[in-house]
Every structure is written in structure tokens, then in C-alpha cells.
Amino acid sequence: MFSTYTGADMGHMDGFMNDMEALDLKERAQGLQRQGLLEQALPLMLQSVAARERSHTLCLSLSELGDLYLEMLKLDDAERAGRRMLQEAHRYDTANQKRIAEEILRDVAEARKQGLVY
């Protein structure tokens, strides 16, 4: 049987494969995060973001990265992730992604107000 994919479809397949890789990386990172292994989770979460750079789902990885940075009390990095989400929110579910980004930014502001630091 012959493949029905054309050259134009292959770019779409590459995006799908990157999203699947990003999902796997994110799930592994969140497993480490649940175990309290935050420093080990961070490189995997960063790879998840990198895998989704060209995807409409980039904000999903950015929000998870922002949450990890918040848990690590890396407030400047969490703020950068939230601000990047605001810039990229047009890619997918704009209103919801903006809402999530604003929540991250509010959490950063609250942590700073309470004097929490890394």
C-alpha cells in the first residue's frame, strides 16, 4: 500500500511529531515535579517548549514552564514565561491562554509581595 502523504503534508506531520515529543517531555517533567525533583524537571520542560516553538500549542508548554518556575521560586523566569504566553496567545485559544498567562503573572506578583525568593 502506498502512502497518501504528499510533501506538503510532511510539514504537518513534523509538527505533529514535535507536539507528541513535547507531550512526552512535559509528562516526564511533571512526573519529576510531582516527586519534588524540580531541577531535574526543568531541562525536560525547556525541551518541551523548544519542541513546540512552531506549534499552535506553544502556550501549553509555556504555562507548564511558568508553573514549574513558580514552584521553584524562579520568579523572573516565571514572569518571562507568562509574558511570552501573552505574546503567543493568538496561536491557540487566545482568551484562555491570556487568562492563564495573567494568572501566572499575578502569582509572580503575589510571591514577590510575600518576599518569596529562590
C-alpha atoms as a PDB file:
ATOM      1  CA  MET A   1       0.000   0.000   0.000  1.00  0.00           C
ATOM      2  CA  PHE A   2       1.260   3.474  -0.884  1.00  0.00           C
ATOM      3  CA  SER A   3       1.391   6.404   1.471  1.00  0.00           C
ATOM      4  CA  THR A   4      -1.158   9.118   0.847  1.00  0.00           C
ATOM      5  CA  TYR A   5       1.059  11.839   2.320  1.00  0.00           C
ATOM      6  CA  THR A   6       2.352  14.482  -0.040  1.00  0.00           C
ATOM      7  CA  GLY A   7       5.360  16.703   0.502  1.00  0.00           C
ATOM      8  CA  ALA A   8       3.051  19.432   1.791  1.00  0.00           C
ATOM      9  CA  ASP A   9       1.638  17.016   4.369  1.00  0.00           C
ATOM     10  CA  MET A  10       5.090  16.214   5.724  1.00  0.00           C
ATOM     11  CA  GLY A  11       5.440  19.631   7.348  1.00  0.00           C
ATOM     12  CA  HIS A  12       2.163  18.935   9.113  1.00  0.00           C
ATOM     13  CA  MET A  13       3.482  15.533  10.209  1.00  0.00           C
ATOM     14  CA  ASP A  14       6.665  17.125  11.536  1.00  0.00           C
ATOM     15  CA  GLY A  15       4.539  19.467  13.640  1.00  0.00           C
ATOM     16  CA  PHE A  16       2.513  16.530  14.926  1.00  0.00           C
ATOM     17  CA  MET A  17       5.690  14.626  15.837  1.00  0.00           C
ATOM     18  CA  ASN A  18       7.064  17.684  17.639  1.00  0.00           C
ATOM     19  CA  ASP A  19       3.811  18.004  19.584  1.00  0.00           C
ATOM     20  CA  MET A  20       3.986  14.325  20.551  1.00  0.00           C
ATOM     21  CA  GLU A  21       7.618  14.724  21.636  1.00  0.00           C
ATOM     22  CA  ALA A  22       6.679  17.846  23.600  1.00  0.00           C
ATOM     23  CA  LEU A  23       3.854  15.979  25.300  1.00  0.00           C
ATOM     24  CA  ASP A  24       6.175  13.139  26.304  1.00  0.00           C
ATOM     25  CA  LEU A  25       8.795  15.566  27.645  1.00  0.00           C
ATOM     26  CA  LYS A  26       6.146  17.502  29.559  1.00  0.00           C
ATOM     27  CA  GLU A  27       4.725  14.359  31.141  1.00  0.00           C
ATOM     28  CA  ARG A  28       8.184  13.192  32.198  1.00  0.00           C
ATOM     29  CA  ALA A  29       8.944  16.649  33.606  1.00  0.00           C
ATOM     30  CA  GLN A  30       5.675  16.792  35.525  1.00  0.00           C
ATOM     31  CA  GLY A  31       6.368  13.332  36.976  1.00  0.00           C
ATOM     32  CA  LEU A  32       9.680  14.611  38.311  1.00  0.00           C
ATOM     33  CA  GLN A  33       7.977  17.786  39.504  1.00  0.00           C
ATOM     34  CA  ARG A  34       5.426  15.758  41.488  1.00  0.00           C
ATOM     35  CA  GLN A  35       8.340  13.954  43.150  1.00  0.00           C
ATOM     36  CA  GLY A  36       9.887  17.288  44.110  1.00  0.00           C
ATOM     37  CA  LEU A  37      12.765  16.858  41.641  1.00  0.00           C
ATOM     38  CA  LEU A  38      12.367  20.342  40.228  1.00  0.00           C
ATOM     39  CA  GLU A  39      15.919  20.858  38.962  1.00  0.00           C
ATOM     40  CA  GLN A  40      15.696  17.574  37.034  1.00  0.00           C
ATOM     41  CA  ALA A  41      12.279  18.513  35.637  1.00  0.00           C
ATOM     42  CA  LEU A  42      13.406  21.887  34.302  1.00  0.00           C
ATOM     43  CA  PRO A  43      15.547  20.730  31.328  1.00  0.00           C
ATOM     44  CA  LEU A  44      12.742  18.442  30.161  1.00  0.00           C
ATOM     45  CA  MET A  45      10.195  21.255  30.394  1.00  0.00           C
ATOM     46  CA  LEU A  46      12.515  23.576  28.473  1.00  0.00           C
ATOM     47  CA  GLN A  47      12.852  20.913  25.773  1.00  0.00           C
ATOM     48  CA  SER A  48       9.057  20.658  25.661  1.00  0.00           C
ATOM     49  CA  VAL A  49       8.839  24.389  24.967  1.00  0.00           C
ATOM     50  CA  ALA A  50      11.541  24.134  22.286  1.00  0.00           C
ATOM     51  CA  ALA A  51       9.702  21.267  20.573  1.00  0.00           C
ATOM     52  CA  ARG A  52       6.558  23.413  20.367  1.00  0.00           C
ATOM     53  CA  GLU A  53       8.191  26.650  19.167  1.00  0.00           C
ATOM     54  CA  ARG A  54       6.431  26.458  15.804  1.00  0.00           C
ATOM     55  CA  SER A  55       3.250  24.869  17.098  1.00  0.00           C
ATOM     56  CA  HIS A  56      -0.084  26.462  17.845  1.00  0.00           C
ATOM     57  CA  THR A  57       0.192  24.676  21.233  1.00  0.00           C
ATOM     58  CA  LEU A  58       3.299  26.592  22.373  1.00  0.00           C
ATOM     59  CA  CYS A  59       1.335  28.315  25.154  1.00  0.00           C
ATOM     60  CA  LEU A  60       0.536  24.950  26.731  1.00  0.00           C
ATOM     61  CA  SER A  61       4.229  24.292  27.310  1.00  0.00           C
ATOM     62  CA  LEU A  62       4.870  27.886  28.344  1.00  0.00           C
ATOM     63  CA  SER A  63       2.166  27.696  31.010  1.00  0.00           C
ATOM     64  CA  GLU A  64       3.608  24.454  32.375  1.00  0.00           C
ATOM     65  CA  LEU A  65       7.077  26.009  32.352  1.00  0.00           C
ATOM     66  CA  GLY A  66       5.727  29.067  34.171  1.00  0.00           C
ATOM     67  CA  ASP A  67       4.139  26.860  36.817  1.00  0.00           C
ATOM     68  CA  LEU A  68       7.399  24.969  37.306  1.00  0.00           C
ATOM     69  CA  TYR A  69       9.342  28.221  37.645  1.00  0.00           C
ATOM     70  CA  LEU A  70       6.802  29.424  40.205  1.00  0.00           C
ATOM     71  CA  GLU A  71       7.214  26.247  42.223  1.00  0.00           C
ATOM     72  CA  MET A  72      10.985  26.733  42.048  1.00  0.00           C
ATOM     73  CA  LEU A  73      10.520  30.393  43.113  1.00  0.00           C
ATOM     74  CA  LYS A  74      12.343  31.497  39.963  1.00  0.00           C
ATOM     75  CA  LEU A  75      10.065  34.483  39.698  1.00  0.00           C
ATOM     76  CA  ASP A  76      11.876  36.362  36.932  1.00  0.00           C
ATOM     77  CA  ASP A  77      11.765  33.253  34.746  1.00  0.00           C
ATOM     78  CA  ALA A  78       8.096  32.635  35.584  1.00  0.00           C
ATOM     79  CA  GLU A  79       7.323  36.227  34.658  1.00  0.00           C
ATOM     80  CA  ARG A  80       9.153  35.835  31.331  1.00  0.00           C
ATOM     81  CA  ALA A  81       7.144  32.676  30.581  1.00  0.00           C
ATOM     82  CA  GLY A  82       3.888  34.490  31.382  1.00  0.00           C
ATOM     83  CA  ARG A  83       4.779  37.486  29.234  1.00  0.00           C
ATOM     84  CA  ARG A  84       5.794  35.212  26.367  1.00  0.00           C
ATOM     85  CA  MET A  85       2.417  33.481  26.671  1.00  0.00           C
ATOM     86  CA  LEU A  86       0.701  36.833  26.253  1.00  0.00           C
ATOM     87  CA  GLN A  87       2.704  37.401  23.056  1.00  0.00           C
ATOM     88  CA  GLU A  88       1.938  33.935  21.679  1.00  0.00           C
ATOM     89  CA  ALA A  89      -1.695  33.587  22.838  1.00  0.00           C
ATOM     90  CA  HIS A  90      -3.023  34.354  19.360  1.00  0.00           C
ATOM     91  CA  ARG A  91      -1.909  30.890  18.205  1.00  0.00           C
ATOM     92  CA  TYR A  92      -4.488  28.865  20.118  1.00  0.00           C
ATOM     93  CA  ASP A  93      -7.476  29.540  22.362  1.00  0.00           C
ATOM     94  CA  THR A  94      -6.499  33.186  22.762  1.00  0.00           C
ATOM     95  CA  ALA A  95      -8.795  34.190  25.621  1.00  0.00           C
ATOM     96  CA  ASN A  96      -7.976  31.148  27.729  1.00  0.00           C
ATOM     97  CA  GLN A  97      -4.221  31.419  27.115  1.00  0.00           C
ATOM     98  CA  LYS A  98      -4.261  35.096  28.069  1.00  0.00           C
ATOM     99  CA  ARG A  99      -6.212  34.251  31.232  1.00  0.00           C
ATOM    100  CA  ILE A 100      -3.661  31.597  32.211  1.00  0.00           C
ATOM    101  CA  ALA A 101      -0.744  33.944  31.465  1.00  0.00           C
ATOM    102  CA  GLU A 102      -2.331  36.645  33.614  1.00  0.00           C
ATOM    103  CA  GLU A 103      -2.764  34.115  36.455  1.00  0.00           C
ATOM    104  CA  ILE A 104       0.941  33.276  36.268  1.00  0.00           C
ATOM    105  CA  LEU A 105       1.827  36.964  36.342  1.00  0.00           C
ATOM    106  CA  ARG A 106      -0.499  37.537  39.335  1.00  0.00           C
ATOM    107  CA  ASP A 107       1.108  34.588  41.140  1.00  0.00           C
ATOM    108  CA  VAL A 108       4.549  36.070  40.463  1.00  0.00           C
ATOM    109  CA  ALA A 109       3.445  39.447  41.831  1.00  0.00           C
ATOM    110  CA  GLU A 110       1.932  37.796  44.926  1.00  0.00           C
ATOM    111  CA  ALA A 111       5.098  35.755  45.567  1.00  0.00           C
ATOM    112  CA  ARG A 112       7.199  38.894  45.294  1.00  0.00           C
ATOM    113  CA  LYS A 113       4.834  40.746  47.617  1.00  0.00           C
ATOM    114  CA  GLN A 114       5.273  37.962  50.182  1.00  0.00           C
ATOM    115  CA  GLY A 115       9.052  38.156  49.810  1.00  0.00           C
ATOM    116  CA  LEU A 116       9.421  34.644  48.408  1.00  0.00           C
ATOM    117  CA  VAL A 117      12.705  34.137  46.580  1.00  0.00           C
ATOM    118  CA  TYR A 118      14.746  31.337  45.086  1.00  0.00           C
END
